[in-house]
Amino acid sequence: MKALVTGGEGGIGRALRARLEAEGYEVDSLDLRTGFDVTDPVAWEEVGAVDVACLNAGVLTGESDPARLPVDAYRRAVAVNVDGVVLGVRRLAQVMDGGSIVVTASLAGLMGMPSDPVYSLTKHALVGFVRSAAPHLEPIRLNAVCPGIADTPMIDAQRGAFTAAGFPLLAPAEVAEAAWLAATSGRCGECWFVQPGRPPAPFRFPSLPGPRADGARVGPPPG
């Protein structure tokens, strides 16, 4: 059995690799530190079929104020967080006949994150992409996990504030376990929330009010 993890050298990435290896998978780590750039379409052309893919690479901008946002930081976040997933799903859909793809989104994709609005933008994009693309990929199962704040080097700058506030952090292994549940659930197009002290589960999106014509309810749009 084969698997791949993007961002596989980071905190959550290493936990994902360990979880998959515990299940007997041979895992490729696709990371800048292993010579793979998820933002490069040419690099993805060399990737073959796997049984499980965890598209996990992600970066913060580190800027809360859009007026002070460096353009390079914005473009890097969109390239890694969004392009890295879309290009990965595109390639895997070309070479896989089944199996499972799990995208690491975030609770910042289900709610606002004022400390890094662009990061939140990218994670909202992933949630929308997974929910919209999943029906087209079957029998490949595409899902996302949406973890809260995990104890990884990404939060080093804010670690003292979390500690002082007694705010509970997720262990990377908890995120990896949720990804494994999503990968093996048989579900498709789900976004699993992951929070300390709670079992992971698919997030239930509220229904939107539909249009009406002459006072009568209209069905979903065509296509």
N, C-alpha and C. Protein backbone atom coordinates (compact mmCIF):
# COMPACT_ATOMS: atom_id res chain seq x y z
N MET A 1 0.84 -1.19 0.00
CA MET A 1 0.00 0.00 0.00
C MET A 1 0.88 1.24 0.00
N LYS A 2 0.45 2.24 -0.78
CA LYS A 2 1.23 3.46 -0.93
C LYS A 2 0.42 4.68 -0.48
N ALA A 3 1.14 5.67 0.06
CA ALA A 3 0.51 6.91 0.48
C ALA A 3 1.49 8.05 0.24
N LEU A 4 0.96 9.27 0.23
CA LEU A 4 1.81 10.45 0.17
C LEU A 4 1.26 11.50 1.12
N VAL A 5 2.18 12.32 1.62
CA VAL A 5 1.83 13.43 2.50
C VAL A 5 2.58 14.66 2.01
N THR A 6 1.85 15.72 1.66
CA THR A 6 2.53 16.97 1.36
C THR A 6 2.76 17.73 2.66
N GLY A 7 3.86 18.52 2.68
CA GLY A 7 4.24 19.13 3.94
C GLY A 7 4.60 18.07 4.96
N GLY A 8 5.16 16.98 4.48
CA GLY A 8 5.38 15.82 5.33
C GLY A 8 6.48 15.96 6.35
N GLU A 9 7.24 17.06 6.31
CA GLU A 9 8.32 17.26 7.27
C GLU A 9 7.92 18.19 8.40
N GLY A 10 6.71 18.74 8.35
CA GLY A 10 6.23 19.60 9.43
C GLY A 10 5.61 18.79 10.56
N GLY A 11 5.10 19.49 11.56
CA GLY A 11 4.57 18.81 12.74
C GLY A 11 3.40 17.90 12.43
N ILE A 12 2.36 18.42 11.77
CA ILE A 12 1.22 17.57 11.40
C ILE A 12 1.62 16.59 10.32
N GLY A 13 2.47 17.01 9.39
CA GLY A 13 2.92 16.11 8.34
C GLY A 13 3.61 14.88 8.88
N ARG A 14 4.50 15.07 9.85
CA ARG A 14 5.18 13.92 10.44
C ARG A 14 4.20 12.99 11.15
N ALA A 15 3.20 13.58 11.81
CA ALA A 15 2.19 12.77 12.49
C ALA A 15 1.35 11.99 11.49
N LEU A 16 1.02 12.62 10.37
CA LEU A 16 0.28 11.90 9.32
C LEU A 16 1.10 10.74 8.79
N ARG A 17 2.38 10.97 8.55
CA ARG A 17 3.23 9.89 8.07
C ARG A 17 3.28 8.73 9.06
N ALA A 18 3.44 9.07 10.32
CA ALA A 18 3.52 8.03 11.35
C ALA A 18 2.22 7.23 11.43
N ARG A 19 1.10 7.92 11.31
CA ARG A 19 -0.20 7.23 11.39
C ARG A 19 -0.37 6.28 10.21
N LEU A 20 0.00 6.71 9.02
CA LEU A 20 -0.12 5.87 7.84
C LEU A 20 0.87 4.70 7.89
N GLU A 21 2.08 4.97 8.35
CA GLU A 21 3.06 3.90 8.46
C GLU A 21 2.62 2.84 9.47
N ALA A 22 1.92 3.27 10.52
CA ALA A 22 1.40 2.32 11.51
C ALA A 22 0.37 1.38 10.90
N GLU A 23 -0.27 1.83 9.82
CA GLU A 23 -1.25 0.99 9.13
C GLU A 23 -0.62 0.18 8.00
N GLY A 24 0.70 0.27 7.86
CA GLY A 24 1.41 -0.53 6.88
C GLY A 24 1.64 0.13 5.54
N TYR A 25 1.44 1.44 5.45
CA TYR A 25 1.64 2.14 4.19
C TYR A 25 3.10 2.53 3.99
N GLU A 26 3.55 2.48 2.75
CA GLU A 26 4.81 3.08 2.35
C GLU A 26 4.50 4.54 1.99
N VAL A 27 5.10 5.48 2.71
CA VAL A 27 4.68 6.88 2.63
C VAL A 27 5.78 7.73 2.00
N ASP A 28 5.42 8.48 0.97
CA ASP A 28 6.30 9.48 0.38
C ASP A 28 6.01 10.83 1.02
N SER A 29 7.08 11.52 1.45
CA SER A 29 6.96 12.84 2.02
C SER A 29 7.30 13.87 0.94
N LEU A 30 6.29 14.62 0.50
CA LEU A 30 6.46 15.64 -0.53
C LEU A 30 6.54 17.00 0.16
N ASP A 31 7.75 17.52 0.27
CA ASP A 31 8.00 18.70 1.08
C ASP A 31 9.18 19.45 0.45
N LEU A 32 9.25 20.76 0.67
CA LEU A 32 10.40 21.50 0.17
C LEU A 32 11.71 20.90 0.68
N ARG A 33 11.67 20.36 1.90
CA ARG A 33 12.88 19.79 2.48
C ARG A 33 13.27 18.47 1.82
N THR A 34 12.34 17.86 1.10
CA THR A 34 12.67 16.64 0.35
C THR A 34 12.75 16.92 -1.14
N GLY A 35 12.72 18.21 -1.51
CA GLY A 35 12.90 18.60 -2.90
C GLY A 35 11.64 18.71 -3.72
N PHE A 36 10.48 18.79 -3.06
CA PHE A 36 9.20 18.85 -3.79
C PHE A 36 8.50 20.16 -3.46
N ASP A 37 8.11 20.89 -4.50
CA ASP A 37 7.38 22.15 -4.35
C ASP A 37 5.93 21.94 -4.79
N VAL A 38 5.01 21.99 -3.85
CA VAL A 38 3.60 21.71 -4.16
C VAL A 38 2.99 22.73 -5.09
N THR A 39 3.64 23.89 -5.24
CA THR A 39 3.10 24.94 -6.11
C THR A 39 3.53 24.77 -7.56
N ASP A 40 4.36 23.77 -7.85
CA ASP A 40 4.93 23.57 -9.18
C ASP A 40 4.14 22.52 -9.96
N PRO A 41 3.40 22.91 -10.99
CA PRO A 41 2.62 21.93 -11.76
C PRO A 41 3.49 20.85 -12.39
N VAL A 42 4.70 21.20 -12.79
CA VAL A 42 5.59 20.21 -13.41
C VAL A 42 5.98 19.13 -12.40
N ALA A 43 6.23 19.53 -11.15
CA ALA A 43 6.57 18.54 -10.13
C ALA A 43 5.44 17.53 -9.94
N TRP A 44 4.22 18.00 -9.98
CA TRP A 44 3.08 17.09 -9.79
C TRP A 44 2.97 16.07 -10.92
N GLU A 45 3.47 16.39 -12.10
CA GLU A 45 3.39 15.44 -13.21
C GLU A 45 4.19 14.18 -12.96
N GLU A 46 5.11 14.22 -12.01
CA GLU A 46 5.91 13.04 -11.68
C GLU A 46 5.28 12.16 -10.61
N VAL A 47 4.17 12.60 -10.06
CA VAL A 47 3.52 11.87 -8.97
C VAL A 47 2.60 10.80 -9.54
N GLY A 48 2.71 9.58 -9.00
CA GLY A 48 1.88 8.48 -9.45
C GLY A 48 0.75 8.18 -8.48
N ALA A 49 0.03 7.13 -8.78
CA ALA A 49 -1.14 6.74 -7.99
C ALA A 49 -0.73 6.27 -6.60
N VAL A 50 -1.55 6.58 -5.62
CA VAL A 50 -1.39 6.08 -4.26
C VAL A 50 -2.76 5.64 -3.76
N ASP A 51 -2.75 4.95 -2.63
CA ASP A 51 -4.01 4.52 -2.03
C ASP A 51 -4.61 5.61 -1.14
N VAL A 52 -3.73 6.36 -0.47
CA VAL A 52 -4.17 7.47 0.38
C VAL A 52 -3.24 8.65 0.15
N ALA A 53 -3.81 9.82 -0.05
CA ALA A 53 -3.02 11.06 -0.18
C ALA A 53 -3.51 12.05 0.85
N CYS A 54 -2.57 12.62 1.60
CA CYS A 54 -2.88 13.68 2.55
C CYS A 54 -2.25 14.97 2.05
N LEU A 55 -3.07 15.88 1.56
CA LEU A 55 -2.60 17.15 1.03
C LEU A 55 -2.61 18.16 2.17
N ASN A 56 -1.46 18.30 2.77
CA ASN A 56 -1.35 18.92 4.09
C ASN A 56 -0.51 20.20 4.12
N ALA A 57 0.28 20.48 3.10
CA ALA A 57 1.20 21.62 3.14
C ALA A 57 0.43 22.92 3.33
N GLY A 58 0.94 23.78 4.20
CA GLY A 58 0.29 25.05 4.43
C GLY A 58 1.21 26.03 5.14
N VAL A 59 0.97 27.32 4.91
CA VAL A 59 1.77 28.37 5.54
C VAL A 59 0.87 29.49 6.01
N LEU A 60 1.34 30.24 6.98
CA LEU A 60 0.70 31.47 7.44
C LEU A 60 1.33 32.67 6.74
N THR A 61 0.64 33.81 6.76
CA THR A 61 1.30 35.05 6.33
C THR A 61 1.93 35.77 7.51
N GLY A 62 1.37 35.56 8.71
CA GLY A 62 1.88 36.25 9.88
C GLY A 62 1.43 37.70 9.99
N GLU A 63 0.46 38.10 9.16
CA GLU A 63 0.01 39.50 9.17
C GLU A 63 -1.50 39.55 9.37
N SER A 64 -1.92 40.35 10.34
CA SER A 64 -3.35 40.49 10.61
C SER A 64 -3.98 41.67 9.86
N ASP A 65 -3.19 42.66 9.54
CA ASP A 65 -3.70 43.90 8.95
C ASP A 65 -3.54 43.86 7.43
N PRO A 66 -4.65 43.80 6.66
CA PRO A 66 -4.51 43.77 5.21
C PRO A 66 -3.72 44.94 4.64
N ALA A 67 -3.74 46.07 5.30
CA ALA A 67 -3.01 47.23 4.79
C ALA A 67 -1.50 47.03 4.84
N ARG A 68 -1.05 46.17 5.75
CA ARG A 68 0.39 45.94 5.89
C ARG A 68 0.82 44.60 5.29
N LEU A 69 -0.10 43.92 4.64
CA LEU A 69 0.18 42.58 4.12
C LEU A 69 1.20 42.65 2.98
N PRO A 70 2.36 42.00 3.12
CA PRO A 70 3.31 41.96 2.00
C PRO A 70 2.72 41.14 0.84
N VAL A 71 2.86 41.67 -0.37
CA VAL A 71 2.31 40.98 -1.53
C VAL A 71 2.92 39.60 -1.68
N ASP A 72 4.22 39.48 -1.43
CA ASP A 72 4.87 38.17 -1.55
C ASP A 72 4.30 37.16 -0.56
N ALA A 73 3.99 37.61 0.66
CA ALA A 73 3.41 36.70 1.66
C ALA A 73 2.02 36.25 1.24
N TYR A 74 1.25 37.19 0.68
CA TYR A 74 -0.09 36.84 0.18
C TYR A 74 0.00 35.79 -0.93
N ARG A 75 0.85 36.05 -1.90
CA ARG A 75 0.95 35.14 -3.03
C ARG A 75 1.50 33.78 -2.61
N ARG A 76 2.42 33.77 -1.67
CA ARG A 76 2.97 32.50 -1.19
C ARG A 76 1.91 31.68 -0.49
N ALA A 77 1.10 32.32 0.35
CA ALA A 77 0.05 31.59 1.07
C ALA A 77 -0.97 31.01 0.11
N VAL A 78 -1.39 31.77 -0.87
CA VAL A 78 -2.36 31.26 -1.85
C VAL A 78 -1.73 30.13 -2.66
N ALA A 79 -0.47 30.28 -3.05
CA ALA A 79 0.19 29.26 -3.86
C ALA A 79 0.31 27.95 -3.10
N VAL A 80 0.81 28.01 -1.87
CA VAL A 80 1.00 26.77 -1.10
C VAL A 80 -0.32 26.18 -0.65
N ASN A 81 -1.16 27.01 -0.04
CA ASN A 81 -2.37 26.50 0.61
C ASN A 81 -3.46 26.10 -0.38
N VAL A 82 -3.58 26.85 -1.48
CA VAL A 82 -4.65 26.58 -2.44
C VAL A 82 -4.12 25.85 -3.68
N ASP A 83 -3.14 26.47 -4.36
CA ASP A 83 -2.61 25.81 -5.56
C ASP A 83 -2.06 24.43 -5.23
N GLY A 84 -1.39 24.31 -4.10
CA GLY A 84 -0.81 23.02 -3.72
C GLY A 84 -1.83 21.92 -3.57
N VAL A 85 -3.05 22.29 -3.18
CA VAL A 85 -4.13 21.30 -3.08
C VAL A 85 -4.80 21.07 -4.43
N VAL A 86 -5.12 22.15 -5.14
CA VAL A 86 -5.82 21.99 -6.42
C VAL A 86 -4.95 21.22 -7.42
N LEU A 87 -3.66 21.56 -7.49
CA LEU A 87 -2.77 20.85 -8.40
C LEU A 87 -2.62 19.39 -7.99
N GLY A 88 -2.58 19.15 -6.67
CA GLY A 88 -2.48 17.77 -6.19
C GLY A 88 -3.71 16.96 -6.52
N VAL A 89 -4.89 17.52 -6.26
CA VAL A 89 -6.13 16.81 -6.57
C VAL A 89 -6.23 16.57 -8.07
N ARG A 90 -5.87 17.57 -8.85
CA ARG A 90 -5.91 17.43 -10.32
C ARG A 90 -5.07 16.24 -10.77
N ARG A 91 -3.83 16.17 -10.28
CA ARG A 91 -2.95 15.08 -10.70
C ARG A 91 -3.45 13.73 -10.19
N LEU A 92 -3.83 13.67 -8.95
CA LEU A 92 -4.28 12.40 -8.38
C LEU A 92 -5.55 11.89 -9.06
N ALA A 93 -6.42 12.81 -9.45
CA ALA A 93 -7.63 12.40 -10.17
C ALA A 93 -7.28 11.80 -11.53
N GLN A 94 -6.13 12.17 -12.08
CA GLN A 94 -5.71 11.63 -13.37
C GLN A 94 -5.12 10.23 -13.25
N VAL A 95 -4.55 9.89 -12.08
CA VAL A 95 -3.79 8.64 -11.97
C VAL A 95 -4.40 7.63 -11.00
N MET A 96 -5.36 8.04 -10.18
CA MET A 96 -5.96 7.13 -9.22
C MET A 96 -7.31 6.62 -9.72
N ASP A 97 -7.58 5.34 -9.49
CA ASP A 97 -8.86 4.74 -9.85
C ASP A 97 -9.79 4.63 -8.65
N GLY A 98 -9.29 4.90 -7.49
CA GLY A 98 -10.05 4.81 -6.25
C GLY A 98 -9.17 5.32 -5.14
N GLY A 99 -9.49 4.94 -3.92
CA GLY A 99 -8.69 5.40 -2.80
C GLY A 99 -9.23 6.68 -2.20
N SER A 100 -8.39 7.34 -1.42
CA SER A 100 -8.86 8.46 -0.60
C SER A 100 -7.87 9.61 -0.63
N ILE A 101 -8.39 10.83 -0.71
CA ILE A 101 -7.61 12.06 -0.59
C ILE A 101 -8.17 12.85 0.58
N VAL A 102 -7.29 13.25 1.49
CA VAL A 102 -7.71 14.07 2.63
C VAL A 102 -6.92 15.37 2.59
N VAL A 103 -7.63 16.48 2.61
CA VAL A 103 -7.05 17.82 2.57
C VAL A 103 -7.02 18.38 4.00
N THR A 104 -5.90 18.94 4.40
CA THR A 104 -5.84 19.64 5.68
C THR A 104 -6.33 21.07 5.48
N ALA A 105 -7.55 21.33 5.90
CA ALA A 105 -8.08 22.69 5.90
C ALA A 105 -7.86 23.24 7.31
N SER A 106 -8.86 23.81 7.93
CA SER A 106 -8.70 24.41 9.25
C SER A 106 -10.05 24.88 9.75
N LEU A 107 -10.17 25.04 11.07
CA LEU A 107 -11.35 25.74 11.58
C LEU A 107 -11.40 27.15 11.02
N ALA A 108 -10.24 27.69 10.61
CA ALA A 108 -10.22 29.01 9.96
C ALA A 108 -10.90 28.99 8.61
N GLY A 109 -11.24 27.80 8.10
CA GLY A 109 -12.03 27.69 6.89
C GLY A 109 -13.51 27.56 7.16
N LEU A 110 -13.88 27.51 8.44
CA LEU A 110 -15.29 27.43 8.84
C LEU A 110 -15.74 28.67 9.60
N MET A 111 -14.77 29.52 9.96
CA MET A 111 -15.06 30.73 10.71
C MET A 111 -13.98 31.75 10.37
N GLY A 112 -14.13 32.96 10.86
CA GLY A 112 -13.12 33.98 10.62
C GLY A 112 -11.90 33.78 11.50
N MET A 113 -10.74 34.24 11.00
CA MET A 113 -9.51 34.20 11.77
C MET A 113 -8.84 35.56 11.66
N PRO A 114 -9.22 36.53 12.51
CA PRO A 114 -8.71 37.90 12.39
C PRO A 114 -7.19 38.01 12.50
N SER A 115 -6.53 37.04 13.13
CA SER A 115 -5.08 37.13 13.29
C SER A 115 -4.34 36.90 11.98
N ASP A 116 -5.01 36.28 10.98
CA ASP A 116 -4.38 36.06 9.67
C ASP A 116 -5.49 35.88 8.64
N PRO A 117 -6.08 36.98 8.16
CA PRO A 117 -7.22 36.88 7.24
C PRO A 117 -6.91 36.13 5.96
N VAL A 118 -5.69 36.25 5.44
CA VAL A 118 -5.38 35.55 4.19
C VAL A 118 -5.30 34.05 4.41
N TYR A 119 -4.75 33.63 5.53
CA TYR A 119 -4.76 32.21 5.87
C TYR A 119 -6.19 31.70 5.91
N SER A 120 -7.07 32.47 6.56
CA SER A 120 -8.48 32.09 6.63
C SER A 120 -9.10 32.04 5.23
N LEU A 121 -8.75 33.00 4.39
CA LEU A 121 -9.22 33.00 3.00
C LEU A 121 -8.87 31.68 2.31
N THR A 122 -7.61 31.27 2.46
CA THR A 122 -7.17 30.05 1.76
C THR A 122 -7.87 28.81 2.29
N LYS A 123 -8.13 28.77 3.58
CA LYS A 123 -8.78 27.59 4.15
C LYS A 123 -10.27 27.56 3.81
N HIS A 124 -10.91 28.73 3.72
CA HIS A 124 -12.28 28.76 3.20
C HIS A 124 -12.31 28.25 1.76
N ALA A 125 -11.30 28.61 0.98
CA ALA A 125 -11.22 28.13 -0.40
C ALA A 125 -11.14 26.61 -0.44
N LEU A 126 -10.37 26.02 0.45
CA LEU A 126 -10.23 24.56 0.46
C LEU A 126 -11.54 23.88 0.84
N VAL A 127 -12.22 24.42 1.83
CA VAL A 127 -13.51 23.85 2.22
C VAL A 127 -14.48 23.87 1.03
N GLY A 128 -14.57 25.00 0.35
CA GLY A 128 -15.45 25.09 -0.81
C GLY A 128 -15.03 24.17 -1.93
N PHE A 129 -13.73 24.05 -2.15
CA PHE A 129 -13.22 23.19 -3.22
C PHE A 129 -13.53 21.72 -2.93
N VAL A 130 -13.27 21.28 -1.73
CA VAL A 130 -13.52 19.88 -1.38
C VAL A 130 -15.00 19.54 -1.53
N ARG A 131 -15.86 20.39 -1.01
CA ARG A 131 -17.29 20.10 -1.09
C ARG A 131 -17.80 20.11 -2.53
N SER A 132 -17.20 20.95 -3.37
CA SER A 132 -17.67 21.09 -4.75
C SER A 132 -17.05 20.07 -5.69
N ALA A 133 -15.79 19.71 -5.43
CA ALA A 133 -15.08 18.79 -6.33
C ALA A 133 -15.35 17.33 -6.03
N ALA A 134 -15.70 17.01 -4.78
CA ALA A 134 -15.83 15.61 -4.38
C ALA A 134 -16.76 14.80 -5.28
N PRO A 135 -17.93 15.29 -5.67
CA PRO A 135 -18.80 14.46 -6.51
C PRO A 135 -18.18 14.09 -7.86
N HIS A 136 -17.26 14.92 -8.36
CA HIS A 136 -16.65 14.66 -9.66
C HIS A 136 -15.54 13.61 -9.58
N LEU A 137 -15.04 13.35 -8.37
CA LEU A 137 -13.89 12.46 -8.23
C LEU A 137 -14.27 11.01 -7.94
N GLU A 138 -15.49 10.76 -7.53
CA GLU A 138 -15.86 9.40 -7.17
C GLU A 138 -15.55 8.43 -8.31
N PRO A 139 -14.98 7.23 -7.99
CA PRO A 139 -14.93 6.57 -6.67
C PRO A 139 -13.79 7.00 -5.76
N ILE A 140 -12.92 7.93 -6.19
CA ILE A 140 -11.97 8.51 -5.24
C ILE A 140 -12.77 9.30 -4.20
N ARG A 141 -12.43 9.13 -2.94
CA ARG A 141 -13.12 9.83 -1.86
C ARG A 141 -12.29 11.05 -1.45
N LEU A 142 -12.87 12.22 -1.60
CA LEU A 142 -12.20 13.48 -1.25
C LEU A 142 -12.88 14.08 -0.03
N ASN A 143 -12.11 14.29 1.03
CA ASN A 143 -12.62 14.89 2.25
C ASN A 143 -11.59 15.87 2.79
N ALA A 144 -11.97 16.61 3.81
CA ALA A 144 -11.07 17.55 4.47
C ALA A 144 -11.15 17.37 5.97
N VAL A 145 -10.06 17.70 6.64
CA VAL A 145 -10.09 17.86 8.10
C VAL A 145 -9.88 19.33 8.41
N CYS A 146 -10.58 19.80 9.43
CA CYS A 146 -10.54 21.22 9.82
C CYS A 146 -10.13 21.32 11.28
N PRO A 147 -8.83 21.20 11.54
CA PRO A 147 -8.39 21.24 12.94
C PRO A 147 -8.38 22.64 13.52
N GLY A 148 -8.55 22.68 14.83
CA GLY A 148 -8.31 23.92 15.55
C GLY A 148 -6.81 24.15 15.65
N ILE A 149 -6.37 24.87 16.65
CA ILE A 149 -4.96 25.25 16.74
C ILE A 149 -4.15 24.07 17.28
N ALA A 150 -3.18 23.65 16.48
CA ALA A 150 -2.37 22.49 16.83
C ALA A 150 -1.01 22.94 17.36
N ASP A 151 -0.42 22.12 18.19
CA ASP A 151 0.86 22.41 18.82
C ASP A 151 1.99 22.05 17.85
N THR A 152 2.28 22.98 16.95
CA THR A 152 3.33 22.79 15.95
C THR A 152 4.20 24.05 15.93
N PRO A 153 5.34 24.01 15.23
CA PRO A 153 6.19 25.21 15.15
C PRO A 153 5.50 26.41 14.53
N MET A 154 4.39 26.22 13.81
CA MET A 154 3.69 27.36 13.22
C MET A 154 3.19 28.35 14.26
N ILE A 155 2.98 27.89 15.50
CA ILE A 155 2.43 28.79 16.52
C ILE A 155 3.50 29.28 17.49
N ASP A 156 4.78 29.06 17.19
CA ASP A 156 5.83 29.41 18.14
C ASP A 156 5.76 30.86 18.57
N ALA A 157 5.42 31.76 17.65
CA ALA A 157 5.39 33.18 18.01
C ALA A 157 4.28 33.50 19.01
N GLN A 158 3.22 32.69 19.03
CA GLN A 158 2.08 32.94 19.93
C GLN A 158 2.02 31.93 21.08
N ARG A 159 3.01 31.05 21.16
CA ARG A 159 2.93 29.97 22.14
C ARG A 159 2.78 30.49 23.56
N GLY A 160 3.51 31.55 23.90
CA GLY A 160 3.42 32.09 25.25
C GLY A 160 2.01 32.57 25.59
N ALA A 161 1.35 33.18 24.62
CA ALA A 161 -0.01 33.67 24.86
C ALA A 161 -0.97 32.52 25.08
N PHE A 162 -0.83 31.45 24.31
CA PHE A 162 -1.70 30.28 24.50
C PHE A 162 -1.47 29.66 25.88
N THR A 163 -0.21 29.57 26.27
CA THR A 163 0.11 28.98 27.56
C THR A 163 -0.45 29.83 28.70
N ALA A 164 -0.27 31.14 28.60
CA ALA A 164 -0.75 32.03 29.65
C ALA A 164 -2.27 31.98 29.78
N ALA A 165 -2.95 31.81 28.67
CA ALA A 165 -4.41 31.77 28.69
C ALA A 165 -4.96 30.39 29.03
N GLY A 166 -4.09 29.39 29.12
CA GLY A 166 -4.55 28.03 29.38
C GLY A 166 -5.36 27.46 28.23
N PHE A 167 -5.08 27.95 27.01
CA PHE A 167 -5.85 27.52 25.85
C PHE A 167 -5.38 26.14 25.41
N PRO A 168 -6.30 25.17 25.28
CA PRO A 168 -5.88 23.81 24.90
C PRO A 168 -5.50 23.73 23.43
N LEU A 169 -4.40 23.07 23.15
CA LEU A 169 -3.92 22.88 21.80
C LEU A 169 -4.07 21.42 21.40
N LEU A 170 -4.28 21.22 20.12
CA LEU A 170 -4.34 19.85 19.58
C LEU A 170 -2.93 19.29 19.44
N ALA A 171 -2.76 18.03 19.76
CA ALA A 171 -1.53 17.33 19.42
C ALA A 171 -1.59 16.97 17.95
N PRO A 172 -0.47 17.05 17.22
CA PRO A 172 -0.48 16.65 15.81
C PRO A 172 -1.05 15.26 15.60
N ALA A 173 -0.81 14.35 16.54
CA ALA A 173 -1.33 13.00 16.40
C ALA A 173 -2.85 12.97 16.39
N GLU A 174 -3.49 13.93 17.08
CA GLU A 174 -4.95 13.99 17.05
C GLU A 174 -5.46 14.39 15.67
N VAL A 175 -4.75 15.29 15.01
CA VAL A 175 -5.13 15.68 13.66
C VAL A 175 -4.93 14.51 12.71
N ALA A 176 -3.82 13.79 12.89
CA ALA A 176 -3.55 12.63 12.04
C ALA A 176 -4.61 11.55 12.22
N GLU A 177 -5.06 11.35 13.44
CA GLU A 177 -6.12 10.37 13.68
C GLU A 177 -7.41 10.78 13.00
N ALA A 178 -7.74 12.07 13.05
CA ALA A 178 -8.94 12.55 12.37
C ALA A 178 -8.82 12.36 10.86
N ALA A 179 -7.63 12.60 10.31
CA ALA A 179 -7.43 12.40 8.88
C ALA A 179 -7.61 10.94 8.51
N TRP A 180 -7.12 10.05 9.37
CA TRP A 180 -7.30 8.61 9.11
C TRP A 180 -8.79 8.24 9.15
N LEU A 181 -9.52 8.79 10.10
CA LEU A 181 -10.96 8.53 10.17
C LEU A 181 -11.66 9.02 8.90
N ALA A 182 -11.29 10.22 8.45
CA ALA A 182 -11.89 10.75 7.23
C ALA A 182 -11.54 9.89 6.02
N ALA A 183 -10.29 9.43 5.97
CA ALA A 183 -9.84 8.64 4.83
C ALA A 183 -10.54 7.29 4.75
N THR A 184 -10.88 6.73 5.88
CA THR A 184 -11.45 5.38 5.92
C THR A 184 -12.94 5.36 6.23
N SER A 185 -13.57 6.52 6.24
CA SER A 185 -14.98 6.61 6.65
C SER A 185 -15.95 6.14 5.58
N GLY A 186 -15.49 6.10 4.33
CA GLY A 186 -16.40 5.81 3.23
C GLY A 186 -17.21 7.02 2.79
N ARG A 187 -17.03 8.14 3.49
CA ARG A 187 -17.75 9.36 3.15
C ARG A 187 -17.03 10.12 2.05
N CYS A 188 -17.70 11.11 1.50
CA CYS A 188 -17.13 11.90 0.41
C CYS A 188 -17.64 13.34 0.52
N GLY A 189 -16.74 14.30 0.36
CA GLY A 189 -17.14 15.70 0.40
C GLY A 189 -17.41 16.24 1.78
N GLU A 190 -16.90 15.56 2.81
CA GLU A 190 -17.13 16.00 4.19
C GLU A 190 -15.95 16.81 4.70
N CYS A 191 -16.22 17.71 5.65
CA CYS A 191 -15.19 18.50 6.31
C CYS A 191 -15.26 18.21 7.80
N TRP A 192 -14.29 17.46 8.28
CA TRP A 192 -14.30 16.97 9.66
C TRP A 192 -13.66 18.00 10.59
N PHE A 193 -14.42 18.47 11.59
CA PHE A 193 -13.83 19.37 12.58
C PHE A 193 -13.01 18.56 13.58
N VAL A 194 -11.94 19.18 14.07
CA VAL A 194 -11.05 18.52 15.03
C VAL A 194 -10.77 19.53 16.14
N GLN A 195 -11.25 19.23 17.34
CA GLN A 195 -11.10 20.12 18.47
C GLN A 195 -10.65 19.32 19.70
N PRO A 196 -9.80 19.93 20.56
CA PRO A 196 -9.38 19.22 21.77
C PRO A 196 -10.58 18.78 22.61
N GLY A 197 -10.52 17.56 23.08
CA GLY A 197 -11.56 17.06 23.97
C GLY A 197 -12.84 16.63 23.29
N ARG A 198 -12.89 16.68 21.97
CA ARG A 198 -14.09 16.26 21.24
C ARG A 198 -13.71 15.22 20.20
N PRO A 199 -14.58 14.23 19.95
CA PRO A 199 -14.29 13.28 18.88
C PRO A 199 -14.45 13.96 17.52
N PRO A 200 -13.56 13.72 16.57
CA PRO A 200 -13.71 14.31 15.24
C PRO A 200 -15.02 13.85 14.59
N ALA A 201 -15.63 14.75 13.83
CA ALA A 201 -16.89 14.42 13.16
C ALA A 201 -17.09 15.37 11.98
N PRO A 202 -17.88 14.95 10.99
CA PRO A 202 -18.18 15.86 9.88
C PRO A 202 -18.95 17.09 10.36
N PHE A 203 -18.52 18.25 9.91
CA PHE A 203 -19.21 19.49 10.24
C PHE A 203 -20.52 19.55 9.49
N ARG A 204 -21.58 19.94 10.17
CA ARG A 204 -22.90 20.03 9.56
C ARG A 204 -23.15 21.48 9.13
N PHE A 205 -23.04 21.73 7.86
CA PHE A 205 -23.24 23.07 7.34
C PHE A 205 -24.73 23.41 7.37
N PRO A 206 -25.06 24.63 7.78
CA PRO A 206 -26.48 25.01 7.80
C PRO A 206 -27.02 25.11 6.38
N SER A 207 -28.30 24.81 6.23
CA SER A 207 -28.94 24.95 4.92
C SER A 207 -29.19 26.42 4.62
N LEU A 208 -28.99 26.78 3.38
CA LEU A 208 -29.26 28.15 2.95
C LEU A 208 -30.70 28.27 2.46
N PRO A 209 -31.34 29.39 2.67
CA PRO A 209 -32.68 29.57 2.11
C PRO A 209 -32.60 29.61 0.58
N GLY A 210 -33.47 28.85 -0.06
CA GLY A 210 -33.47 28.80 -1.52
C GLY A 210 -34.28 29.93 -2.13
N PRO A 211 -34.17 30.10 -3.44
CA PRO A 211 -34.95 31.15 -4.11
C PRO A 211 -36.43 30.80 -4.17
N ARG A 212 -37.23 31.82 -4.42
CA ARG A 212 -38.66 31.63 -4.61
C ARG A 212 -39.09 32.35 -5.88
N ALA A 213 -40.03 31.78 -6.59
CA ALA A 213 -40.59 32.40 -7.78
C ALA A 213 -42.10 32.38 -7.65
N ASP A 214 -42.69 33.55 -7.66
CA ASP A 214 -44.15 33.69 -7.48
C ASP A 214 -44.60 33.01 -6.18
N GLY A 215 -43.75 33.14 -5.16
CA GLY A 215 -44.12 32.63 -3.85
C GLY A 215 -43.84 31.15 -3.67
N ALA A 216 -43.44 30.43 -4.72
CA ALA A 216 -43.19 29.00 -4.62
C ALA A 216 -41.70 28.75 -4.51
N ARG A 217 -41.34 27.74 -3.74
CA ARG A 217 -39.93 27.39 -3.57
C ARG A 217 -39.39 26.79 -4.86
N VAL A 218 -38.16 27.18 -5.21
CA VAL A 218 -37.50 26.69 -6.42
C VAL A 218 -36.42 25.70 -6.00
N GLY A 219 -36.20 24.68 -6.80
CA GLY A 219 -35.19 23.68 -6.51
C GLY A 219 -33.79 24.20 -6.72
N PRO A 220 -32.78 23.32 -6.55
CA PRO A 220 -31.39 23.75 -6.71
C PRO A 220 -31.09 24.15 -8.15
N PRO A 221 -30.08 24.98 -8.33
CA PRO A 221 -29.73 25.42 -9.69
C PRO A 221 -29.28 24.25 -10.55
N PRO A 222 -29.47 24.31 -11.87
CA PRO A 222 -29.04 23.22 -12.74
C PRO A 222 -27.52 23.12 -12.79
N GLY A 223 -27.03 21.90 -13.04
CA GLY A 223 -25.60 21.69 -13.19
C GLY A 223 -24.90 21.47 -11.88
